[in-house]
Every structure is written in structure tokens, then in C-alpha cells.
Amino acid sequence: MSGHSKWANIKRKKEKTDSQKGKIFTKLGREITIVVRQGGPEPESNSKLKDVIAKAKAANMPNDNIIRCIKKAAGDVDSASYEEIVYEGYGPGGVAVIVEAMTDNRNRTAGDVRHFFDKFGGNLGTTGCVSFMFDKKGVILIEKDGKIKEDDLMMEALEVGAEDFTADEDVYEITTSPDEFSAVREALEKKGYDFVEADVEMVPQTMTKLTDPKQIEFMDRLIEHLEDLDDVQNVYHNWDEE
């Protein structure tokens, strides 16, 4: 898991969160709406909702906002119907990119995503063209604070079903299979750990380095513009930014 610049990406997201909390919370609210409609408004019987709540808390979404979103989704049956769509393509220099979207207008979202791929030197591909280069994993990040003993956390994580544990200068990274993610996250939450991020993600198997300054600029702008789209929930890529 080391080497895929996870924390660099998280710090980028944290900076965006500070300046664009409203947009982040709107996207989380949309995700809550979908999982509530799929499995109901009770976290105890809807594990996906429980996971999204943990994700929202890691993003510092206020508890009142979370409760409001759940109640609205449970009672507002006539609101817009969202569908989940995944786009795959290549950025500058052959960087693999996966875009996860939730939209009530498939044509609008496809057009917006394609526009930015074209504008910044990439190309939108067909389903499956890059996803084979990623593994679906549960990813839990816990920030180092001087109070957590690395060996203790590693043993606790592995004991409750984690696949791997790594540490860098800033965070501990715990990875799980998608099926075990909820159980591992809940077990660590009950032990009192706070998360920088907790989500099931597409983790690249190998990284791609860019050396051309123009490609680096375009790749950075491609990610930024895709993440700013209202319909886009997540952008994954295998660009080694370090």
C-alpha cells in the first residue's frame, strides 16, 4: 500500500473541505439519500448507512446535518431519483482515472466529465478500460497524534479482520477487504479511534509518474475540475504526485 500517495491526496481533500464545506456536505447528503432509499433510515439495520455516517463524520459534517439528511431521505419519496454511474478513462501521460458519480441526469454528467477529459489532454474510455488496474479496498486512515501506540493499533486492527497495516509520517493506514470494512471500522470506532477517512475505495495496484510539466499541470487541473463537478462523488487515479 505504501507509495500510492494516499495522504497527499487526503491533504488535498482536507484543504478543499476547508474552503468548500458546503459542496462536500451536499455530496455526502446525496450519498446518504441513496443508501437510505436502498436499505432504510436505521443505521443498525443498514450497514451502508452506518458506513456513510462514519465517512461524513470523518469529513467533519455536523451531526445535525447528518440526521436531517436521513430524515429527509426517509420522508421525501418524490425528490429527484439519483443513479450511480462510473466513468473510466486516461489522463495526460496515460494516468488511469476512475470517476464515480451520482446523478439525476445521465446525459449532463457524461457531457461534463467528457469535456474535462478532452480539455486537459485525456480521453474518456469504455467500462473496464482501467478498473482492472485498481483493487476495491476498505481504507481507514488514523492520524498520528503521539498518544496512539503503533504496535497496539496494528494488533487491534489485524485482530478484528484488517488485511494490512502501514504507517507513514502523518497517518496509520489500515486496509480491509470490502466485505470486512464495516466490521473493522465499527470495531476500531468502539475502541475510541477517530478517522481522517473511512471508506471503500479503488486503490491503484501500480503508480504512474509524470515528468513533463505541462502534463503535470493538466493532470492536476483535470482532477480539480472533476472533483468540483456537483455530480461527481469520487475521483480515483494512479498518478504518483510525489
C-alpha atoms as a PDB file:
ATOM      1  CA  MET A   1       0.000   0.000   0.000  1.00  0.00           C
ATOM      2  CA  SER A   2       2.900   2.360   0.520  1.00  0.00           C
ATOM      3  CA  GLY A   3       3.732   4.591  -2.401  1.00  0.00           C
ATOM      4  CA  HIS A   4       0.245   5.426  -3.684  1.00  0.00           C
ATOM      5  CA  SER A   5       0.360   8.940  -2.198  1.00  0.00           C
ATOM      6  CA  LYS A   6      -2.769   8.377  -0.153  1.00  0.00           C
ATOM      7  CA  TRP A   7      -2.054  11.006   2.470  1.00  0.00           C
ATOM      8  CA  ALA A   8      -1.084  13.575  -0.153  1.00  0.00           C
ATOM      9  CA  ASN A   9      -4.492  13.064  -1.726  1.00  0.00           C
ATOM     10  CA  ILE A  10      -6.246  13.285   1.639  1.00  0.00           C
ATOM     11  CA  LYS A  11      -4.470  16.537   2.492  1.00  0.00           C
ATOM     12  CA  ARG A  12      -5.638  17.923  -0.838  1.00  0.00           C
ATOM     13  CA  LYS A  13      -9.198  16.883   0.067  1.00  0.00           C
ATOM     14  CA  LYS A  14      -8.900  18.399   3.551  1.00  0.00           C
ATOM     15  CA  GLU A  15      -7.796  21.708   2.040  1.00  0.00           C
ATOM     16  CA  LYS A  16     -10.749  21.614  -0.323  1.00  0.00           C
ATOM     17  CA  THR A  17     -13.045  20.777   2.564  1.00  0.00           C
ATOM     18  CA  ASP A  18     -11.939  23.847   4.462  1.00  0.00           C
ATOM     19  CA  SER A  19     -12.822  26.130   1.571  1.00  0.00           C
ATOM     20  CA  GLN A  20     -15.811  24.224   0.141  1.00  0.00           C
ATOM     21  CA  LYS A  21     -17.551  22.532   3.060  1.00  0.00           C
ATOM     22  CA  GLY A  22     -20.985  23.202   1.574  1.00  0.00           C
ATOM     23  CA  LYS A  23     -20.245  21.296  -1.618  1.00  0.00           C
ATOM     24  CA  ILE A  24     -18.678  18.376   0.265  1.00  0.00           C
ATOM     25  CA  PHE A  25     -21.675  18.122   2.587  1.00  0.00           C
ATOM     26  CA  THR A  26     -24.081  18.254  -0.363  1.00  0.00           C
ATOM     27  CA  LYS A  27     -22.336  15.284  -1.960  1.00  0.00           C
ATOM     28  CA  LEU A  28     -22.394  13.365   1.318  1.00  0.00           C
ATOM     29  CA  GLY A  29     -26.087  14.178   1.688  1.00  0.00           C
ATOM     30  CA  ARG A  30     -26.729  12.718  -1.752  1.00  0.00           C
ATOM     31  CA  GLU A  31     -24.877   9.550  -0.755  1.00  0.00           C
ATOM     32  CA  ILE A  32     -26.935   9.313   2.448  1.00  0.00           C
ATOM     33  CA  THR A  33     -30.130   9.712   0.387  1.00  0.00           C
ATOM     34  CA  ILE A  34     -29.246   6.788  -1.875  1.00  0.00           C
ATOM     35  CA  VAL A  35     -28.302   4.353   0.907  1.00  0.00           C
ATOM     36  CA  VAL A  36     -31.383   5.287   2.974  1.00  0.00           C
ATOM     37  CA  ARG A  37     -33.628   4.534  -0.002  1.00  0.00           C
ATOM     38  CA  GLN A  38     -31.787   1.278  -0.614  1.00  0.00           C
ATOM     39  CA  GLY A  39     -31.780  -0.011   2.965  1.00  0.00           C
ATOM     40  CA  GLY A  40     -33.876   2.204   5.208  1.00  0.00           C
ATOM     41  CA  PRO A  41     -33.125   5.003   7.715  1.00  0.00           C
ATOM     42  CA  GLU A  42     -31.934   2.876  10.649  1.00  0.00           C
ATOM     43  CA  PRO A  43     -28.120   2.547  10.831  1.00  0.00           C
ATOM     44  CA  GLU A  44     -28.347  -0.608  12.944  1.00  0.00           C
ATOM     45  CA  SER A  45     -30.131  -2.462  10.141  1.00  0.00           C
ATOM     46  CA  ASN A  46     -28.483  -0.620   7.226  1.00  0.00           C
ATOM     47  CA  SER A  47     -24.728  -1.197   7.270  1.00  0.00           C
ATOM     48  CA  LYS A  48     -24.158   1.006   4.221  1.00  0.00           C
ATOM     49  CA  LEU A  49     -25.819   3.924   6.008  1.00  0.00           C
ATOM     50  CA  LYS A  50     -23.642   3.291   9.036  1.00  0.00           C
ATOM     51  CA  ASP A  51     -20.548   3.438   6.813  1.00  0.00           C
ATOM     52  CA  VAL A  52     -21.648   6.676   5.120  1.00  0.00           C
ATOM     53  CA  ILE A  53     -22.326   8.247   8.536  1.00  0.00           C
ATOM     54  CA  ALA A  54     -18.763   7.368   9.569  1.00  0.00           C
ATOM     55  CA  LYS A  55     -17.477   8.860   6.311  1.00  0.00           C
ATOM     56  CA  ALA A  56     -19.483  12.042   6.935  1.00  0.00           C
ATOM     57  CA  LYS A  57     -18.156  12.337  10.477  1.00  0.00           C
ATOM     58  CA  ALA A  58     -14.586  11.926   9.205  1.00  0.00           C
ATOM     59  CA  ALA A  59     -15.296  14.879   6.887  1.00  0.00           C
ATOM     60  CA  ASN A  60     -16.472  16.902   9.923  1.00  0.00           C
ATOM     61  CA  MET A  61     -20.092  17.021   8.781  1.00  0.00           C
ATOM     62  CA  PRO A  62     -22.162  18.159  11.798  1.00  0.00           C
ATOM     63  CA  ASN A  63     -24.344  15.501  13.393  1.00  0.00           C
ATOM     64  CA  ASP A  64     -27.441  17.687  12.963  1.00  0.00           C
ATOM     65  CA  ASN A  65     -26.817  17.787   9.197  1.00  0.00           C
ATOM     66  CA  ILE A  66     -26.465  14.006   9.059  1.00  0.00           C
ATOM     67  CA  ILE A  67     -29.720  13.442  10.970  1.00  0.00           C
ATOM     68  CA  ARG A  68     -31.528  15.994   8.790  1.00  0.00           C
ATOM     69  CA  CYS A  69     -30.351  14.238   5.603  1.00  0.00           C
ATOM     70  CA  ILE A  70     -31.526  10.838   6.876  1.00  0.00           C
ATOM     71  CA  LYS A  71     -34.958  12.155   7.869  1.00  0.00           C
ATOM     72  CA  LYS A  72     -35.368  13.965   4.558  1.00  0.00           C
ATOM     73  CA  ALA A  73     -34.375  10.899   2.541  1.00  0.00           C
ATOM     74  CA  ALA A  74     -36.751   8.691   4.531  1.00  0.00           C
ATOM     75  CA  GLY A  75     -39.727  11.032   4.080  1.00  0.00           C
ATOM     76  CA  ASP A  76     -39.202  12.703   0.722  1.00  0.00           C
ATOM     77  CA  VAL A  77     -40.187   9.998  -1.744  1.00  0.00           C
ATOM     78  CA  ASP A  78     -40.923  12.467  -4.540  1.00  0.00           C
ATOM     79  CA  SER A  79     -37.496  14.105  -4.747  1.00  0.00           C
ATOM     80  CA  ALA A  80     -35.034  13.539  -7.577  1.00  0.00           C
ATOM     81  CA  SER A  81     -34.044   9.956  -8.276  1.00  0.00           C
ATOM     82  CA  TYR A  82     -30.271   9.540  -8.412  1.00  0.00           C
ATOM     83  CA  GLU A  83     -28.370   6.763 -10.126  1.00  0.00           C
ATOM     84  CA  GLU A  84     -24.773   5.740  -9.595  1.00  0.00           C
ATOM     85  CA  ILE A  85     -22.520   5.798 -12.671  1.00  0.00           C
ATOM     86  CA  VAL A  86     -18.813   5.018 -13.029  1.00  0.00           C
ATOM     87  CA  TYR A  87     -16.673   6.537 -15.790  1.00  0.00           C
ATOM     88  CA  GLU A  88     -13.203   5.322 -16.735  1.00  0.00           C
ATOM     89  CA  GLY A  89     -10.514   6.923 -18.820  1.00  0.00           C
ATOM     90  CA  TYR A  90      -6.963   8.142 -19.162  1.00  0.00           C
ATOM     91  CA  GLY A  91      -5.450  11.439 -18.114  1.00  0.00           C
ATOM     92  CA  PRO A  92      -2.299  13.029 -19.539  1.00  0.00           C
ATOM     93  CA  GLY A  93       0.604  10.604 -19.906  1.00  0.00           C
ATOM     94  CA  GLY A  94      -1.650   7.557 -19.633  1.00  0.00           C
ATOM     95  CA  VAL A  95      -2.657   8.075 -15.983  1.00  0.00           C
ATOM     96  CA  ALA A  96      -5.623   5.811 -15.185  1.00  0.00           C
ATOM     97  CA  VAL A  97      -8.679   7.662 -13.847  1.00  0.00           C
ATOM     98  CA  ILE A  98     -11.949   6.387 -12.370  1.00  0.00           C
ATOM     99  CA  VAL A  99     -14.813   8.812 -11.726  1.00  0.00           C
ATOM    100  CA  GLU A 100     -17.748   7.809  -9.514  1.00  0.00           C
ATOM    101  CA  ALA A 101     -20.862   9.943  -9.963  1.00  0.00           C
ATOM    102  CA  MET A 102     -24.392  10.164  -8.592  1.00  0.00           C
ATOM    103  CA  THR A 103     -26.718  11.962 -10.975  1.00  0.00           C
ATOM    104  CA  ASP A 104     -30.334  12.656 -11.860  1.00  0.00           C
ATOM    105  CA  ASN A 105     -29.311  13.462 -15.452  1.00  0.00           C
ATOM    106  CA  ARG A 106     -27.016  10.924 -17.090  1.00  0.00           C
ATOM    107  CA  ASN A 107     -26.504  12.974 -20.274  1.00  0.00           C
ATOM    108  CA  ARG A 108     -25.458  16.107 -18.391  1.00  0.00           C
ATOM    109  CA  THR A 109     -22.953  14.260 -16.240  1.00  0.00           C
ATOM    110  CA  ALA A 110     -21.421  12.310 -19.128  1.00  0.00           C
ATOM    111  CA  GLY A 111     -21.028  15.521 -21.110  1.00  0.00           C
ATOM    112  CA  ASP A 112     -19.377  17.359 -18.215  1.00  0.00           C
ATOM    113  CA  VAL A 113     -16.956  14.515 -17.471  1.00  0.00           C
ATOM    114  CA  ARG A 114     -16.037  14.044 -21.129  1.00  0.00           C
ATOM    115  CA  HIS A 115     -15.481  17.810 -21.529  1.00  0.00           C
ATOM    116  CA  PHE A 116     -12.799  17.921 -18.846  1.00  0.00           C
ATOM    117  CA  PHE A 117     -11.058  14.762 -20.059  1.00  0.00           C
ATOM    118  CA  ASP A 118     -10.843  16.326 -23.523  1.00  0.00           C
ATOM    119  CA  LYS A 119      -9.862  19.771 -22.250  1.00  0.00           C
ATOM    120  CA  PHE A 120      -6.923  18.549 -20.183  1.00  0.00           C
ATOM    121  CA  GLY A 121      -5.270  16.073 -22.518  1.00  0.00           C
ATOM    122  CA  GLY A 122      -7.044  12.880 -21.550  1.00  0.00           C
ATOM    123  CA  ASN A 123      -9.712  10.691 -23.068  1.00  0.00           C
ATOM    124  CA  LEU A 124     -12.797   9.039 -21.662  1.00  0.00           C
ATOM    125  CA  GLY A 125     -12.766   5.287 -22.237  1.00  0.00           C
ATOM    126  CA  THR A 126     -15.154   2.362 -22.056  1.00  0.00           C
ATOM    127  CA  THR A 127     -16.254   0.499 -18.948  1.00  0.00           C
ATOM    128  CA  GLY A 128     -13.428  -1.716 -17.734  1.00  0.00           C
ATOM    129  CA  CYS A 129     -10.624   0.051 -19.589  1.00  0.00           C
ATOM    130  CA  VAL A 130      -8.735   0.981 -16.389  1.00  0.00           C
ATOM    131  CA  SER A 131     -10.620  -0.581 -13.457  1.00  0.00           C
ATOM    132  CA  PHE A 132      -8.549  -3.779 -13.775  1.00  0.00           C
ATOM    133  CA  MET A 133      -5.579  -1.712 -12.578  1.00  0.00           C
ATOM    134  CA  PHE A 134      -7.301  -0.988  -9.243  1.00  0.00           C
ATOM    135  CA  ASP A 135      -8.379  -3.097  -6.282  1.00  0.00           C
ATOM    136  CA  LYS A 136     -11.519  -2.328  -4.307  1.00  0.00           C
ATOM    137  CA  LYS A 137     -10.440  -1.952  -0.680  1.00  0.00           C
ATOM    138  CA  GLY A 138     -11.703  -0.593   2.573  1.00  0.00           C
ATOM    139  CA  VAL A 139      -9.344   2.208   3.622  1.00  0.00           C
ATOM    140  CA  ILE A 140      -9.208   3.624   7.147  1.00  0.00           C
ATOM    141  CA  LEU A 141      -6.814   6.445   7.996  1.00  0.00           C
ATOM    142  CA  ILE A 142      -5.989   7.414  11.566  1.00  0.00           C
ATOM    143  CA  GLU A 143      -3.862  10.474  12.156  1.00  0.00           C
ATOM    144  CA  LYS A 144      -0.766  10.118  14.308  1.00  0.00           C
ATOM    145  CA  ASP A 145      -1.130  12.163  17.485  1.00  0.00           C
ATOM    146  CA  GLY A 146       1.542  10.855  19.830  1.00  0.00           C
ATOM    147  CA  LYS A 147      -0.995   9.039  22.016  1.00  0.00           C
ATOM    148  CA  ILE A 148      -1.535   6.014  19.797  1.00  0.00           C
ATOM    149  CA  LYS A 149       0.979   3.203  20.036  1.00  0.00           C
ATOM    150  CA  GLU A 150       1.664   1.860  16.565  1.00  0.00           C
ATOM    151  CA  ASP A 151       2.118  -1.762  17.625  1.00  0.00           C
ATOM    152  CA  ASP A 152      -1.105  -1.726  19.665  1.00  0.00           C
ATOM    153  CA  LEU A 153      -3.150  -0.266  16.822  1.00  0.00           C
ATOM    154  CA  MET A 154      -1.657  -2.709  14.332  1.00  0.00           C
ATOM    155  CA  MET A 155      -2.508  -5.705  16.523  1.00  0.00           C
ATOM    156  CA  GLU A 156      -6.024  -4.441  17.204  1.00  0.00           C
ATOM    157  CA  ALA A 157      -6.679  -3.807  13.518  1.00  0.00           C
ATOM    158  CA  LEU A 158      -5.401  -7.210  12.406  1.00  0.00           C
ATOM    159  CA  GLU A 159      -7.294  -8.978  15.183  1.00  0.00           C
ATOM    160  CA  VAL A 160     -10.628  -7.542  14.023  1.00  0.00           C
ATOM    161  CA  GLY A 161     -10.079  -8.522  10.381  1.00  0.00           C
ATOM    162  CA  ALA A 162      -7.861  -5.937   8.665  1.00  0.00           C
ATOM    163  CA  GLU A 163      -5.767  -7.171   5.725  1.00  0.00           C
ATOM    164  CA  ASP A 164      -2.841  -4.782   6.049  1.00  0.00           C
ATOM    165  CA  PHE A 165      -1.426  -2.004   8.204  1.00  0.00           C
ATOM    166  CA  THR A 166       1.124   0.628   7.210  1.00  0.00           C
ATOM    167  CA  ALA A 167       2.429   3.829   8.757  1.00  0.00           C
ATOM    168  CA  ASP A 168       3.948   6.945   7.267  1.00  0.00           C
ATOM    169  CA  GLU A 169       4.988  10.261   8.777  1.00  0.00           C
ATOM    170  CA  ASP A 170       1.438  11.509   9.346  1.00  0.00           C
ATOM    171  CA  VAL A 171      -1.048   8.643   9.418  1.00  0.00           C
ATOM    172  CA  TYR A 172      -1.675   4.971  10.050  1.00  0.00           C
ATOM    173  CA  GLU A 173      -3.353   3.309   7.098  1.00  0.00           C
ATOM    174  CA  ILE A 174      -5.493   0.227   7.608  1.00  0.00           C
ATOM    175  CA  THR A 175      -6.811  -1.711   4.616  1.00  0.00           C
ATOM    176  CA  THR A 176      -9.546  -4.319   4.532  1.00  0.00           C
ATOM    177  CA  SER A 177     -11.493  -6.345   2.020  1.00  0.00           C
ATOM    178  CA  PRO A 178     -14.741  -4.585   1.007  1.00  0.00           C
ATOM    179  CA  ASP A 179     -16.747  -7.236   2.868  1.00  0.00           C
ATOM    180  CA  GLU A 180     -14.834  -6.768   6.131  1.00  0.00           C
ATOM    181  CA  PHE A 181     -14.684  -2.952   6.008  1.00  0.00           C
ATOM    182  CA  SER A 182     -17.809  -2.286   8.087  1.00  0.00           C
ATOM    183  CA  ALA A 183     -16.862  -4.739  10.826  1.00  0.00           C
ATOM    184  CA  VAL A 184     -13.282  -3.445  11.103  1.00  0.00           C
ATOM    185  CA  ARG A 185     -14.388   0.195  11.092  1.00  0.00           C
ATOM    186  CA  GLU A 186     -17.025  -0.425  13.771  1.00  0.00           C
ATOM    187  CA  ALA A 187     -14.615  -2.371  15.970  1.00  0.00           C
ATOM    188  CA  LEU A 188     -11.995   0.396  15.831  1.00  0.00           C
ATOM    189  CA  GLU A 189     -14.659   3.053  16.396  1.00  0.00           C
ATOM    190  CA  LYS A 190     -15.808   1.241  19.540  1.00  0.00           C
ATOM    191  CA  LYS A 191     -12.198   1.252  20.758  1.00  0.00           C
ATOM    192  CA  GLY A 192     -12.281   5.050  20.571  1.00  0.00           C
ATOM    193  CA  TYR A 193     -10.302   5.735  17.416  1.00  0.00           C
ATOM    194  CA  ASP A 194     -11.115   8.777  15.261  1.00  0.00           C
ATOM    195  CA  PHE A 195     -10.694   8.564  11.491  1.00  0.00           C
ATOM    196  CA  VAL A 196      -9.247  11.007   8.995  1.00  0.00           C
ATOM    197  CA  GLU A 197     -11.045   8.960   6.361  1.00  0.00           C
ATOM    198  CA  ALA A 198     -13.025   5.737   6.304  1.00  0.00           C
ATOM    199  CA  ASP A 199     -14.427   4.484   3.024  1.00  0.00           C
ATOM    200  CA  VAL A 200     -14.390   1.706   0.441  1.00  0.00           C
ATOM    201  CA  GLU A 201     -12.193   2.968  -2.380  1.00  0.00           C
ATOM    202  CA  MET A 202     -10.497   1.996  -5.623  1.00  0.00           C
ATOM    203  CA  VAL A 203      -6.807   1.604  -4.769  1.00  0.00           C
ATOM    204  CA  PRO A 204      -4.295   1.538  -7.652  1.00  0.00           C
ATOM    205  CA  GLN A 205      -2.071  -1.516  -7.988  1.00  0.00           C
ATOM    206  CA  THR A 206       0.790   0.484  -9.550  1.00  0.00           C
ATOM    207  CA  MET A 207       1.520   4.194  -9.891  1.00  0.00           C
ATOM    208  CA  THR A 208       2.304   6.340 -12.937  1.00  0.00           C
ATOM    209  CA  LYS A 209       4.877   9.142 -12.715  1.00  0.00           C
ATOM    210  CA  LEU A 210       4.669  12.244 -14.877  1.00  0.00           C
ATOM    211  CA  THR A 211       7.784  14.281 -15.678  1.00  0.00           C
ATOM    212  CA  ASP A 212       6.508  16.708 -18.303  1.00  0.00           C
ATOM    213  CA  PRO A 213       5.490  19.994 -16.582  1.00  0.00           C
ATOM    214  CA  LYS A 214       2.535  20.510 -18.919  1.00  0.00           C
ATOM    215  CA  GLN A 215       1.203  17.007 -18.271  1.00  0.00           C
ATOM    216  CA  ILE A 216       1.584  17.537 -14.522  1.00  0.00           C
ATOM    217  CA  GLU A 217      -0.323  20.833 -14.737  1.00  0.00           C
ATOM    218  CA  PHE A 218      -3.084  19.295 -16.855  1.00  0.00           C
ATOM    219  CA  MET A 219      -3.419  16.228 -14.618  1.00  0.00           C
ATOM    220  CA  ASP A 220      -3.742  18.427 -11.538  1.00  0.00           C
ATOM    221  CA  ARG A 221      -6.386  20.566 -13.246  1.00  0.00           C
ATOM    222  CA  LEU A 222      -8.270  17.511 -14.535  1.00  0.00           C
ATOM    223  CA  ILE A 223      -8.617  16.117 -11.004  1.00  0.00           C
ATOM    224  CA  GLU A 224      -9.564  19.513  -9.596  1.00  0.00           C
ATOM    225  CA  HIS A 225     -12.267  20.176 -12.192  1.00  0.00           C
ATOM    226  CA  LEU A 226     -13.713  16.657 -11.974  1.00  0.00           C
ATOM    227  CA  GLU A 227     -13.904  16.849  -8.168  1.00  0.00           C
ATOM    228  CA  ASP A 228     -15.646  20.228  -8.425  1.00  0.00           C
ATOM    229  CA  LEU A 229     -18.494  18.812 -10.533  1.00  0.00           C
ATOM    230  CA  ASP A 230     -21.660  18.590  -8.444  1.00  0.00           C
ATOM    231  CA  ASP A 231     -22.488  15.115  -9.775  1.00  0.00           C
ATOM    232  CA  VAL A 232     -19.050  13.622  -9.035  1.00  0.00           C
ATOM    233  CA  GLN A 233     -18.647  11.843  -5.713  1.00  0.00           C
ATOM    234  CA  ASN A 234     -15.116  10.408  -6.007  1.00  0.00           C
ATOM    235  CA  VAL A 235     -12.140  10.582  -8.347  1.00  0.00           C
ATOM    236  CA  TYR A 236      -9.518   7.817  -8.179  1.00  0.00           C
ATOM    237  CA  HIS A 237      -6.283   7.735 -10.172  1.00  0.00           C
ATOM    238  CA  ASN A 238      -2.840   6.149 -10.211  1.00  0.00           C
ATOM    239  CA  TRP A 239      -0.821   9.348 -10.595  1.00  0.00           C
ATOM    240  CA  ASP A 240       2.181   9.394  -8.279  1.00  0.00           C
ATOM    241  CA  GLU A 241       2.127  13.051  -7.222  1.00  0.00           C
ATOM    242  CA  GLU A 242       5.304  12.816  -5.162  1.00  0.00           C
END
